[in-house]
């Protein structure tokens, strides 16, 4: 009995481990910024992966200083925190970080607090940690752009009981080819920060249609010639068999012509050669010695 229980326990542990591995693999392959599909169009924004984009907000007066809300983001992965700068960045795993700064009348701005808007958020007593859950969809049609914009939504932490997320509206603009050109901040309300990002990398990828190489005119001519030749041989052989009861080589149509054909070819070639070399000296065809 003890042995049976042990075997069952081993089987259960193995099954749980396998399910966890599958779930982890599925979570890892949920989002890839190199392969984004929206309404049948494919996008590749991996050019933005290597850069952490920093956006400065407009300072608001909080006498005697000002408050400025900045953002750091990466649409492909968690923000890479430079060594020694942890105090000016959100905790590890953040994709979009809100940096609230105090701007004094003189001197450099100072960070008051940091918020993880999107990405992995640290667990608190009232809110568990949440992993990044990107999703994509078509955005509303803009009259001044040719291609339909599309939204990338990055979900993240929970602040004061309110879920946080970032919505990046990507707009296809072939004039912007520099991957260092980042987004612009639109607004932040109800826990959602909105960005607008114009770039050529936001355009749908063109899938080249397979090119079928058509047959050349010479190939068509040779094909037609071969087909006609086969029809001639088959039809002639059938005719000779039915009408004359021919057998063997006699089945070939115009067999006498084909037997003499090599000699005819030789004569024609010889005549052309004599004409080219000038060996023909008169109309009677005598060859000079």
C-alpha atoms as a PDB file:
ATOM      1  CA  UNK A   1       0.000   0.000   0.000  1.00  0.00           C
ATOM      2  CA  UNK A   2       2.805   2.391   0.907  1.00  0.00           C
ATOM      3  CA  UNK A   3       4.506   1.655  -2.402  1.00  0.00           C
ATOM      4  CA  UNK A   4       1.306   2.465  -4.330  1.00  0.00           C
ATOM      5  CA  UNK A   5       0.900   5.764  -2.500  1.00  0.00           C
ATOM      6  CA  UNK A   6       4.520   6.654  -3.273  1.00  0.00           C
ATOM      7  CA  UNK A   7       4.032   5.907  -6.958  1.00  0.00           C
ATOM      8  CA  UNK A   8       0.871   8.014  -7.050  1.00  0.00           C
ATOM      9  CA  UNK A   9       2.679  10.891  -5.388  1.00  0.00           C
ATOM     10  CA  UNK A  10       5.503  10.725  -7.920  1.00  0.00           C
ATOM     11  CA  UNK A  11       3.010  10.681 -10.794  1.00  0.00           C
ATOM     12  CA  UNK A  12       1.139  13.674  -9.349  1.00  0.00           C
ATOM     13  CA  UNK A  13       4.346  15.689  -8.886  1.00  0.00           C
ATOM     14  CA  UNK A  14       5.457  14.880 -12.430  1.00  0.00           C
ATOM     15  CA  UNK A  15       2.088  15.952 -13.852  1.00  0.00           C
ATOM     16  CA  UNK A  16       2.108  19.222 -11.917  1.00  0.00           C
ATOM     17  CA  UNK A  17       5.653  19.964 -13.078  1.00  0.00           C
ATOM     18  CA  UNK A  18       4.713  19.259 -16.701  1.00  0.00           C
ATOM     19  CA  UNK A  19       1.641  21.497 -16.501  1.00  0.00           C
ATOM     20  CA  UNK A  20       3.718  24.274 -14.962  1.00  0.00           C
ATOM     21  CA  UNK A  21       6.301  23.968 -17.747  1.00  0.00           C
ATOM     22  CA  UNK A  22       3.599  24.164 -20.404  1.00  0.00           C
ATOM     23  CA  UNK A  23       1.984  27.182 -18.745  1.00  0.00           C
ATOM     24  CA  UNK A  24       5.362  28.931 -18.474  1.00  0.00           C
ATOM     25  CA  UNK A  25       6.145  28.233 -22.118  1.00  0.00           C
ATOM     26  CA  UNK A  26       2.752  29.596 -23.163  1.00  0.00           C
ATOM     27  CA  UNK A  27       3.296  32.719 -21.052  1.00  0.00           C
ATOM     28  CA  UNK A  28       6.726  33.269 -22.601  1.00  0.00           C
ATOM     29  CA  UNK A  29       5.369  33.047 -26.147  1.00  0.00           C
ATOM     30  CA  UNK A  30       2.343  35.278 -25.585  1.00  0.00           C
ATOM     31  CA  UNK A  31       3.990  38.418 -26.892  1.00  0.00           C
ATOM     32  CA  UNK A  32       6.873  38.985 -29.256  1.00  0.00           C
ATOM     33  CA  UNK A  33       7.374  42.532 -30.541  1.00  0.00           C
ATOM     34  CA  UNK A  34       9.013  41.117 -33.654  1.00  0.00           C
ATOM     35  CA  UNK A  35       5.869  39.199 -34.611  1.00  0.00           C
ATOM     36  CA  UNK A  36       2.758  41.256 -33.904  1.00  0.00           C
ATOM     37  CA  UNK A  37      -0.429  40.469 -35.789  1.00  0.00           C
ATOM     38  CA  UNK A  38      -3.356  42.894 -35.932  1.00  0.00           C
ATOM     39  CA  UNK A  39      -6.374  42.264 -38.120  1.00  0.00           C
ATOM     40  CA  UNK A  40      -4.397  40.232 -40.643  1.00  0.00           C
ATOM     41  CA  UNK A  41      -1.426  42.640 -40.777  1.00  0.00           C
ATOM     42  CA  UNK A  42       2.005  41.810 -39.378  1.00  0.00           C
ATOM     43  CA  UNK A  43       4.196  44.325 -37.541  1.00  0.00           C
ATOM     44  CA  UNK A  44       7.763  44.306 -36.270  1.00  0.00           C
ATOM     45  CA  UNK A  45       8.746  46.918 -33.687  1.00  0.00           C
ATOM     46  CA  UNK A  46      11.834  45.083 -32.419  1.00  0.00           C
ATOM     47  CA  UNK A  47      13.922  48.102 -33.486  1.00  0.00           C
ATOM     48  CA  UNK A  48      12.699  49.792 -30.276  1.00  0.00           C
ATOM     49  CA  UNK A  49      13.838  46.933 -28.046  1.00  0.00           C
ATOM     50  CA  UNK A  50      17.353  48.172 -27.346  1.00  0.00           C
ATOM     51  CA  UNK A  51      16.315  51.652 -26.182  1.00  0.00           C
ATOM     52  CA  UNK A  52      14.730  52.951 -22.996  1.00  0.00           C
ATOM     53  CA  UNK A  53      12.655  55.971 -23.995  1.00  0.00           C
ATOM     54  CA  UNK A  54      12.314  58.835 -21.520  1.00  0.00           C
ATOM     55  CA  UNK A  55       9.528  61.407 -21.846  1.00  0.00           C
ATOM     56  CA  UNK A  56       9.314  64.580 -19.810  1.00  0.00           C
ATOM     57  CA  UNK A  57       5.913  65.864 -18.790  1.00  0.00           C
ATOM     58  CA  UNK A  58       4.807  69.457 -18.463  1.00  0.00           C
ATOM     59  CA  UNK A  59       5.651  70.921 -15.038  1.00  0.00           C
ATOM     60  CA  UNK A  60       2.679  71.944 -12.899  1.00  0.00           C
ATOM     61  CA  UNK A  61       2.981  74.639 -10.290  1.00  0.00           C
ATOM     62  CA  UNK A  62       3.003  73.363  -6.708  1.00  0.00           C
ATOM     63  CA  UNK A  63       4.129  76.504  -4.859  1.00  0.00           C
ATOM     64  CA  UNK A  64       6.936  77.176  -4.220  1.00  0.00           C
ATOM     65  CA  UNK A  65       8.167  74.414  -6.569  1.00  0.00           C
ATOM     66  CA  UNK A  66       6.751  72.549  -9.533  1.00  0.00           C
ATOM     67  CA  UNK A  67       5.754  68.937 -10.066  1.00  0.00           C
ATOM     68  CA  UNK A  68       6.738  67.139 -13.261  1.00  0.00           C
ATOM     69  CA  UNK A  69       5.638  63.647 -14.236  1.00  0.00           C
ATOM     70  CA  UNK A  70       8.103  61.827 -16.475  1.00  0.00           C
ATOM     71  CA  UNK A  71       7.851  58.370 -18.036  1.00  0.00           C
ATOM     72  CA  UNK A  72      10.306  55.702 -19.033  1.00  0.00           C
ATOM     73  CA  UNK A  73       9.184  52.873 -21.283  1.00  0.00           C
ATOM     74  CA  UNK A  74      10.140  50.053 -23.580  1.00  0.00           C
ATOM     75  CA  UNK A  75       7.437  48.438 -25.743  1.00  0.00           C
ATOM     76  CA  UNK A  76       9.288  45.137 -26.112  1.00  0.00           C
ATOM     77  CA  UNK A  77      10.682  44.191 -22.734  1.00  0.00           C
ATOM     78  CA  UNK A  78      11.299  45.298 -19.169  1.00  0.00           C
ATOM     79  CA  UNK A  79      13.325  48.479 -18.787  1.00  0.00           C
ATOM     80  CA  UNK A  80      17.016  47.843 -18.289  1.00  0.00           C
ATOM     81  CA  UNK A  81      18.135  49.664 -15.154  1.00  0.00           C
ATOM     82  CA  UNK A  82      21.699  51.008 -15.457  1.00  0.00           C
ATOM     83  CA  UNK A  83      24.044  50.068 -12.662  1.00  0.00           C
ATOM     84  CA  UNK A  84      23.932  52.562  -9.801  1.00  0.00           C
ATOM     85  CA  UNK A  85      20.678  54.213 -10.985  1.00  0.00           C
ATOM     86  CA  UNK A  86      18.132  52.022  -9.210  1.00  0.00           C
ATOM     87  CA  UNK A  87      16.859  54.994  -7.182  1.00  0.00           C
ATOM     88  CA  UNK A  88      15.711  56.767 -10.354  1.00  0.00           C
ATOM     89  CA  UNK A  89      13.987  53.734 -11.895  1.00  0.00           C
ATOM     90  CA  UNK A  90      11.058  51.537 -11.020  1.00  0.00           C
ATOM     91  CA  UNK A  91      11.750  48.110  -9.615  1.00  0.00           C
ATOM     92  CA  UNK A  92      12.984  45.382 -11.944  1.00  0.00           C
ATOM     93  CA  UNK A  93      10.367  44.102 -14.361  1.00  0.00           C
ATOM     94  CA  UNK A  94       8.725  47.441 -15.179  1.00  0.00           C
ATOM     95  CA  UNK A  95       7.918  48.149 -18.821  1.00  0.00           C
ATOM     96  CA  UNK A  96       6.442  51.605 -18.220  1.00  0.00           C
ATOM     97  CA  UNK A  97       7.602  53.606 -15.227  1.00  0.00           C
ATOM     98  CA  UNK A  98       6.089  56.831 -13.922  1.00  0.00           C
ATOM     99  CA  UNK A  99       8.629  59.147 -12.317  1.00  0.00           C
ATOM    100  CA  UNK A 100       7.111  61.996 -10.307  1.00  0.00           C
ATOM    101  CA  UNK A 101       9.698  64.723  -9.766  1.00  0.00           C
ATOM    102  CA  UNK A 102       9.860  67.848  -7.679  1.00  0.00           C
ATOM    103  CA  UNK A 103      11.258  70.753  -9.732  1.00  0.00           C
ATOM    104  CA  UNK A 104      12.688  73.418  -7.418  1.00  0.00           C
ATOM    105  CA  UNK A 105      13.190  77.015  -8.510  1.00  0.00           C
ATOM    106  CA  UNK A 106      16.900  76.288  -8.619  1.00  0.00           C
ATOM    107  CA  UNK A 107      18.791  73.055  -8.999  1.00  0.00           C
ATOM    108  CA  UNK A 108      18.002  69.705 -10.550  1.00  0.00           C
ATOM    109  CA  UNK A 109      14.629  67.967 -10.258  1.00  0.00           C
ATOM    110  CA  UNK A 110      14.356  65.300  -7.556  1.00  0.00           C
ATOM    111  CA  UNK A 111      12.332  62.094  -7.753  1.00  0.00           C
ATOM    112  CA  UNK A 112       9.527  62.031  -5.172  1.00  0.00           C
ATOM    113  CA  UNK A 113       8.180  58.569  -5.973  1.00  0.00           C
ATOM    114  CA  UNK A 114       8.099  55.963  -8.738  1.00  0.00           C
ATOM    115  CA  UNK A 115       5.128  53.962 -10.005  1.00  0.00           C
ATOM    116  CA  UNK A 116       5.094  50.810 -12.107  1.00  0.00           C
ATOM    117  CA  UNK A 117       2.411  51.571 -14.692  1.00  0.00           C
ATOM    118  CA  UNK A 118       3.035  48.465 -16.811  1.00  0.00           C
ATOM    119  CA  UNK A 119       5.008  45.317 -16.270  1.00  0.00           C
ATOM    120  CA  UNK A 120       5.690  43.209 -13.238  1.00  0.00           C
ATOM    121  CA  UNK A 121       4.585  45.005 -10.127  1.00  0.00           C
ATOM    122  CA  UNK A 122       5.815  44.100  -6.641  1.00  0.00           C
ATOM    123  CA  UNK A 123       3.242  42.431  -4.432  1.00  0.00           C
ATOM    124  CA  UNK A 124       1.670  44.385  -1.575  1.00  0.00           C
ATOM    125  CA  UNK A 125      -0.624  43.413   1.281  1.00  0.00           C
ATOM    126  CA  UNK A 126      -3.682  44.506  -0.694  1.00  0.00           C
ATOM    127  CA  UNK A 127      -2.589  43.686  -4.250  1.00  0.00           C
ATOM    128  CA  UNK A 128      -0.728  40.660  -5.621  1.00  0.00           C
ATOM    129  CA  UNK A 129       2.040  41.037  -8.150  1.00  0.00           C
ATOM    130  CA  UNK A 130       0.863  41.132 -11.755  1.00  0.00           C
ATOM    131  CA  UNK A 131       2.888  40.137 -14.789  1.00  0.00           C
ATOM    132  CA  UNK A 132       2.882  42.161 -17.982  1.00  0.00           C
ATOM    133  CA  UNK A 133       0.027  41.163 -20.284  1.00  0.00           C
ATOM    134  CA  UNK A 134       0.410  42.899 -23.647  1.00  0.00           C
ATOM    135  CA  UNK A 135      -2.495  42.947 -26.101  1.00  0.00           C
ATOM    136  CA  UNK A 136      -2.909  44.542 -29.523  1.00  0.00           C
ATOM    137  CA  UNK A 137      -5.912  45.899 -31.433  1.00  0.00           C
ATOM    138  CA  UNK A 138      -6.800  48.372 -34.144  1.00  0.00           C
ATOM    139  CA  UNK A 139      -7.080  51.973 -33.040  1.00  0.00           C
ATOM    140  CA  UNK A 140      -9.652  54.516 -34.156  1.00  0.00           C
ATOM    141  CA  UNK A 141      -9.244  55.814 -37.696  1.00  0.00           C
ATOM    142  CA  UNK A 142      -7.275  59.044 -37.993  1.00  0.00           C
ATOM    143  CA  UNK A 143      -8.094  61.238 -40.981  1.00  0.00           C
ATOM    144  CA  UNK A 144      -4.545  62.511 -41.493  1.00  0.00           C
ATOM    145  CA  UNK A 145      -2.870  59.090 -41.750  1.00  0.00           C
ATOM    146  CA  UNK A 146      -3.011  56.575 -44.560  1.00  0.00           C
ATOM    147  CA  UNK A 147      -2.615  53.342 -42.607  1.00  0.00           C
ATOM    148  CA  UNK A 148      -4.901  52.371 -39.760  1.00  0.00           C
ATOM    149  CA  UNK A 149      -3.240  52.999 -36.380  1.00  0.00           C
ATOM    150  CA  UNK A 150      -3.061  50.171 -33.866  1.00  0.00           C
ATOM    151  CA  UNK A 151      -2.847  50.028 -30.113  1.00  0.00           C
ATOM    152  CA  UNK A 152      -0.460  48.134 -27.887  1.00  0.00           C
ATOM    153  CA  UNK A 153      -1.793  47.817 -24.358  1.00  0.00           C
ATOM    154  CA  UNK A 154       0.645  47.017 -21.545  1.00  0.00           C
ATOM    155  CA  UNK A 155      -0.961  46.094 -18.264  1.00  0.00           C
ATOM    156  CA  UNK A 156       0.781  46.316 -14.947  1.00  0.00           C
ATOM    157  CA  UNK A 157       0.509  47.140 -11.304  1.00  0.00           C
ATOM    158  CA  UNK A 158      -2.169  48.331  -8.932  1.00  0.00           C
ATOM    159  CA  UNK A 159      -1.898  51.684  -7.200  1.00  0.00           C
ATOM    160  CA  UNK A 160      -4.329  52.612  -4.433  1.00  0.00           C
ATOM    161  CA  UNK A 161      -6.756  49.931  -5.625  1.00  0.00           C
ATOM    162  CA  UNK A 162      -6.675  51.103  -9.248  1.00  0.00           C
ATOM    163  CA  UNK A 163      -5.240  48.945 -12.029  1.00  0.00           C
ATOM    164  CA  UNK A 164      -2.531  50.641 -14.046  1.00  0.00           C
ATOM    165  CA  UNK A 165      -1.824  50.223 -17.765  1.00  0.00           C
ATOM    166  CA  UNK A 166      -0.321  51.983 -20.767  1.00  0.00           C
ATOM    167  CA  UNK A 167      -1.850  52.281 -24.231  1.00  0.00           C
ATOM    168  CA  UNK A 168       0.554  53.066 -27.058  1.00  0.00           C
ATOM    169  CA  UNK A 169      -1.078  54.109 -30.329  1.00  0.00           C
ATOM    170  CA  UNK A 170       1.313  53.260 -33.160  1.00  0.00           C
ATOM    171  CA  UNK A 171       0.872  55.333 -36.324  1.00  0.00           C
ATOM    172  CA  UNK A 172       2.502  54.383 -39.607  1.00  0.00           C
ATOM    173  CA  UNK A 173       4.686  57.243 -40.834  1.00  0.00           C
ATOM    174  CA  UNK A 174       7.266  56.362 -43.508  1.00  0.00           C
ATOM    175  CA  UNK A 175       8.997  59.720 -42.984  1.00  0.00           C
ATOM    176  CA  UNK A 176      10.193  58.702 -39.506  1.00  0.00           C
ATOM    177  CA  UNK A 177      12.898  56.089 -40.042  1.00  0.00           C
ATOM    178  CA  UNK A 178      15.014  56.690 -36.926  1.00  0.00           C
ATOM    179  CA  UNK A 179      14.317  54.162 -34.178  1.00  0.00           C
ATOM    180  CA  UNK A 180      15.601  56.661 -31.608  1.00  0.00           C
ATOM    181  CA  UNK A 181      12.528  58.827 -32.178  1.00  0.00           C
ATOM    182  CA  UNK A 182      10.232  57.823 -29.359  1.00  0.00           C
ATOM    183  CA  UNK A 183       6.575  58.386 -28.572  1.00  0.00           C
ATOM    184  CA  UNK A 184       4.799  61.475 -27.344  1.00  0.00           C
ATOM    185  CA  UNK A 185       2.825  61.616 -24.123  1.00  0.00           C
ATOM    186  CA  UNK A 186      -0.881  62.209 -24.621  1.00  0.00           C
ATOM    187  CA  UNK A 187      -2.413  62.034 -21.152  1.00  0.00           C
ATOM    188  CA  UNK A 188      -2.726  60.067 -17.929  1.00  0.00           C
ATOM    189  CA  UNK A 189      -6.146  59.462 -16.459  1.00  0.00           C
ATOM    190  CA  UNK A 190      -7.927  56.774 -14.464  1.00  0.00           C
ATOM    191  CA  UNK A 191      -4.759  54.757 -14.127  1.00  0.00           C
ATOM    192  CA  UNK A 192      -4.076  54.679 -17.868  1.00  0.00           C
ATOM    193  CA  UNK A 193      -1.242  56.547 -19.566  1.00  0.00           C
ATOM    194  CA  UNK A 194      -1.668  57.188 -23.292  1.00  0.00           C
ATOM    195  CA  UNK A 195       1.171  57.523 -25.787  1.00  0.00           C
ATOM    196  CA  UNK A 196       1.223  58.261 -29.510  1.00  0.00           C
ATOM    197  CA  UNK A 197       4.104  56.866 -31.567  1.00  0.00           C
ATOM    198  CA  UNK A 198       4.715  57.753 -35.223  1.00  0.00           C
ATOM    199  CA  UNK A 199       7.303  55.630 -36.982  1.00  0.00           C
ATOM    200  CA  UNK A 200       8.008  53.673 -40.139  1.00  0.00           C
ATOM    201  CA  UNK A 201       8.440  50.635 -37.890  1.00  0.00           C
ATOM    202  CA  UNK A 202       4.750  50.946 -37.025  1.00  0.00           C
ATOM    203  CA  UNK A 203       3.810  50.214 -40.640  1.00  0.00           C
ATOM    204  CA  UNK A 204       2.556  46.785 -41.653  1.00  0.00           C
ATOM    205  CA  UNK A 205       5.179  44.540 -43.142  1.00  0.00           C
ATOM    206  CA  UNK A 206       4.809  43.843 -46.823  1.00  0.00           C
ATOM    207  CA  UNK A 207       4.764  40.140 -47.541  1.00  0.00           C
ATOM    208  CA  UNK A 208       6.270  39.636 -50.993  1.00  0.00           C
ATOM    209  CA  UNK A 209       4.001  37.660 -53.262  1.00  0.00           C
ATOM    210  CA  UNK A 210       5.590  34.536 -54.710  1.00  0.00           C
ATOM    211  CA  UNK A 211       6.982  35.255 -58.148  1.00  0.00           C
ATOM    212  CA  UNK A 212       6.175  32.580 -60.659  1.00  0.00           C
ATOM    213  CA  UNK A 213       8.738  32.535 -63.423  1.00  0.00           C
ATOM    214  CA  UNK A 214       6.849  32.069 -66.654  1.00  0.00           C
ATOM    215  CA  UNK A 215       8.216  30.055 -69.531  1.00  0.00           C
ATOM    216  CA  UNK A 216      10.226  32.012 -72.084  1.00  0.00           C
ATOM    217  CA  UNK A 217       9.009  32.410 -75.650  1.00  0.00           C
ATOM    218  CA  UNK A 218      11.677  29.970 -76.837  1.00  0.00           C
ATOM    219  CA  UNK A 219      10.517  27.457 -74.252  1.00  0.00           C
ATOM    220  CA  UNK A 220       6.935  27.840 -75.411  1.00  0.00           C
ATOM    221  CA  UNK A 221       8.009  27.367 -79.035  1.00  0.00           C
ATOM    222  CA  UNK A 222       9.999  24.217 -78.220  1.00  0.00           C
ATOM    223  CA  UNK A 223       7.132  22.810 -76.149  1.00  0.00           C
ATOM    224  CA  UNK A 224       4.649  23.351 -78.971  1.00  0.00           C
ATOM    225  CA  UNK A 225       7.113  21.856 -81.465  1.00  0.00           C
ATOM    226  CA  UNK A 226       7.637  18.744 -79.337  1.00  0.00           C
ATOM    227  CA  UNK A 227       3.908  18.263 -78.784  1.00  0.00           C
ATOM    228  CA  UNK A 228       3.192  18.604 -82.512  1.00  0.00           C
ATOM    229  CA  UNK A 229       5.998  16.157 -83.264  1.00  0.00           C
ATOM    230  CA  UNK A 230       4.577  13.590 -80.854  1.00  0.00           C
ATOM    231  CA  UNK A 231       1.104  14.012 -82.340  1.00  0.00           C
ATOM    232  CA  UNK A 232       2.571  13.567 -85.827  1.00  0.00           C
ATOM    233  CA  UNK A 233       4.418  10.371 -84.855  1.00  0.00           C
ATOM    234  CA  UNK A 234       1.520   8.813 -82.930  1.00  0.00           C
ATOM    235  CA  UNK A 235      -1.127   9.703 -85.528  1.00  0.00           C
ATOM    236  CA  UNK A 236       1.117   8.531 -88.395  1.00  0.00           C
ATOM    237  CA  UNK A 237       1.932   5.255 -86.659  1.00  0.00           C
ATOM    238  CA  UNK A 238      -1.725   4.548 -85.993  1.00  0.00           C
ATOM    239  CA  UNK A 239      -2.588   5.357 -89.622  1.00  0.00           C
ATOM    240  CA  UNK A 240       0.147   3.082 -91.030  1.00  0.00           C
ATOM    241  CA  UNK A 241      -0.893   0.277 -88.697  1.00  0.00           C
ATOM    242  CA  UNK A 242      -4.583   0.499 -89.537  1.00  0.00           C
ATOM    243  CA  UNK A 243      -4.308   1.133 -93.281  1.00  0.00           C
ATOM    244  CA  UNK A 244      -1.153  -0.710 -94.319  1.00  0.00           C
ATOM    245  CA  UNK A 245      -0.700  -3.157 -91.424  1.00  0.00           C
ATOM    246  CA  UNK A 246       2.823  -1.852 -90.876  1.00  0.00           C
ATOM    247  CA  UNK A 247       5.098  -3.198 -88.143  1.00  0.00           C
ATOM    248  CA  UNK A 248       8.340  -2.055 -86.509  1.00  0.00           C
ATOM    249  CA  UNK A 249      10.067   0.947 -88.069  1.00  0.00           C
ATOM    250  CA  UNK A 250       7.568   0.916 -90.913  1.00  0.00           C
ATOM    251  CA  UNK A 251       5.043   2.334 -88.436  1.00  0.00           C
ATOM    252  CA  UNK A 252       6.832   5.685 -88.612  1.00  0.00           C
ATOM    253  CA  UNK A 253       5.099   8.092 -90.993  1.00  0.00           C
ATOM    254  CA  UNK A 254       7.097   8.965 -94.117  1.00  0.00           C
ATOM    255  CA  UNK A 255       9.754   6.404 -93.206  1.00  0.00           C
ATOM    256  CA  UNK A 256      11.592   6.851 -96.515  1.00  0.00           C
ATOM    257  CA  UNK A 257      11.973  10.571 -95.865  1.00  0.00           C
ATOM    258  CA  UNK A 258      13.344   9.995 -92.360  1.00  0.00           C
ATOM    259  CA  UNK A 259      15.807   7.383 -93.698  1.00  0.00           C
ATOM    260  CA  UNK A 260      17.161   9.921 -96.174  1.00  0.00           C
ATOM    261  CA  UNK A 261      16.950  12.818 -93.678  1.00  0.00           C
ATOM    262  CA  UNK A 262      20.554  12.477 -92.356  1.00  0.00           C
ATOM    263  CA  UNK A 263      21.926  12.594 -95.925  1.00  0.00           C
ATOM    264  CA  UNK A 264      19.801  15.650 -96.669  1.00  0.00           C
ATOM    265  CA  UNK A 265      21.114  17.398 -93.545  1.00  0.00           C
ATOM    266  CA  UNK A 266      24.702  16.597 -94.548  1.00  0.00           C
ATOM    267  CA  UNK A 267      24.115  17.959 -98.064  1.00  0.00           C
ATOM    268  CA  UNK A 268      22.574  21.171 -96.732  1.00  0.00           C
ATOM    269  CA  UNK A 269      25.399  21.714 -94.252  1.00  0.00           C
ATOM    270  CA  UNK A 270      28.007  21.011 -96.926  1.00  0.00           C
ATOM    271  CA  UNK A 271      26.332  23.461 -99.304  1.00  0.00           C
ATOM    272  CA  UNK A 272      26.239  26.192 -96.654  1.00  0.00           C
ATOM    273  CA  UNK A 273      29.885  25.562 -95.804  1.00  0.00           C
ATOM    274  CA  UNK A 274      30.936  25.752 -99.452  1.00  0.00           C
ATOM    275  CA  UNK A 275      28.997  29.016 -99.831  1.00  0.00           C
ATOM    276  CA  UNK A 276      30.637  30.545 -96.774  1.00  0.00           C
ATOM    277  CA  UNK A 277      34.161  29.482 -97.735  1.00  0.00           C
ATOM    278  CA  UNK A 278      33.709  30.505-101.385  1.00  0.00           C
ATOM    279  CA  UNK A 279      34.392  27.100-102.880  1.00  0.00           C
ATOM    280  CA  UNK A 280      31.384  27.387-105.211  1.00  0.00           C
ATOM    281  CA  UNK A 281      32.648  29.189-108.327  1.00  0.00           C
ATOM    282  CA  UNK A 282      29.829  28.975-110.861  1.00  0.00           C
ATOM    283  CA  UNK A 283      26.156  28.270-111.250  1.00  0.00           C
ATOM    284  CA  UNK A 284      26.812  24.686-112.337  1.00  0.00           C
ATOM    285  CA  UNK A 285      28.242  23.886-108.966  1.00  0.00           C
ATOM    286  CA  UNK A 286      31.788  22.934-110.044  1.00  0.00           C
ATOM    287  CA  UNK A 287      34.316  23.258-107.269  1.00  0.00           C
ATOM    288  CA  UNK A 288      37.655  24.871-108.033  1.00  0.00           C
ATOM    289  CA  UNK A 289      40.692  22.617-107.615  1.00  0.00           C
END
